[in-house]
């Protein structure tokens, strides 16, 4: 077979892979190939971030209108136009047509190669009957896939995963959701608003959003309960039965009712079950063993990297990994961040430049990771939680206040929420911040800058929040810490 050579080969055409390829060849005559077995644009564009937020936003707008005198009288009796909401979702996903993404790749000099890629040697990738060889680097950006626990009868029941939930075509009247994390909570929010009458969250632990500050998960659970969603803590599925399971297509109800046996001995019957119980690295058939990353050295399936995003294990600085497949910070924006660092590192090494300066080192994905959960209320956080900070050995102080400022009251009549800071006493800097409340997503970037920049609290007093905005909560937090 003919060997095709490129300077850089990226396996995985999601946002992380796209960014790694683009940064590695920018402003040069280097060549890059982007290998993708599904759609260029990846999970985020078609089955995760974009469709989920498109489905959540209409309900947020309606809720705001229903709590705004002068507007609520006009819209209070009306619910969502479900077909229109789904059509808006489809517009954002381009009906899962990636032609515009392919055009972008072509415009920046990246060759798109369709098919399943496997590592078959040092700097060598096989795609079907094609052999690709990289002069400089191979980047793994294959992401993760939804995990379905090995519970008797569950896989045979053909449960929904996150892809079905975001690509929903038929809204089940009775829905059981396994999990209490981000996907579970967001899906419960939008599917209930789209018309699922009976939504039950089956949560193995004792809280929702267990990786955030406890008050955030509590507020989300309380709001879901007020909206008619049932949350059952300390409950897991021990068996599932669905005699009429059928592969009806993504986002459609997969056959007849499913009966779940629960850990307390009770049963629950639903029209559909959504499994939101975590994700697994998409590396099972990637050929890691051919480059010394087999199961013996990499039992988790994730690819361990250093802070230049170079894979640890193979000889030489030629194999890199970015995004969810690294297991460091499984969020699209963090994958893109890693990819930018990775691309710059590849370019510098190709040109013989030193890897000096923060530009070539991924550090934010260790302790400064921002995230927004688009539930009701929204949860926006960055950095370490109180428990994480204590476990890391920091001497900390915490402050927590209600989001009760003029900007919040003006935003809508039912605005509510809480905010907290985790403060490093030794450095007088913020280690983490959490906001849970009505449309607080835009508050987190200011906190991210403070965490990443290690801005002293004494200096933050001079970052005066505009009045009347919700950002005034920063002043309330600083005032409480000062006392």
Foldseek 3Di string as FASTA:
>chain_A
DDEAEFQEEEEAQALLSLLLQLLQQPPHPGAYEYEDAAARRPCCQAQPVQLLVLLLVVVLVLVQQCFAPVRVVPPVVDADPLVVSLVSSCVSSVVVDRVVVCVVCVVSRYHYHYAHWADQAVQWIDGPPYIYGHPFAYEYEHAWAADDDPAAAPVVLVAAESRLLSNADDQWQAEEEEEQELSRLSSLFSSVSSHNNEYEYFYLADFHNVQAPRVQRVQSVVVSVVSRYHYDYNKDFRYKDDPFAACPDRNDQGGAWMWTQMPVRDIDITSHYYYRPDIAAPQPRHHCVNQQCDCVNPVRQAFAAFQLQAGPGGPDRHYGYFECSNVQANDSVRRSLSSSLNSNVSNCVVVVHDCDDPSNGDDCSHFFDWDWRVHVFIKIKTGHHPVRCVVVPADWDKFKDKLDAPQQCVSGPPKTWMKMFIARPVLQATRMIMITIHPCHVVRVVVSCRNVVRDHLVVVVPVCDDPPHSNCVNVVRSVVVVD
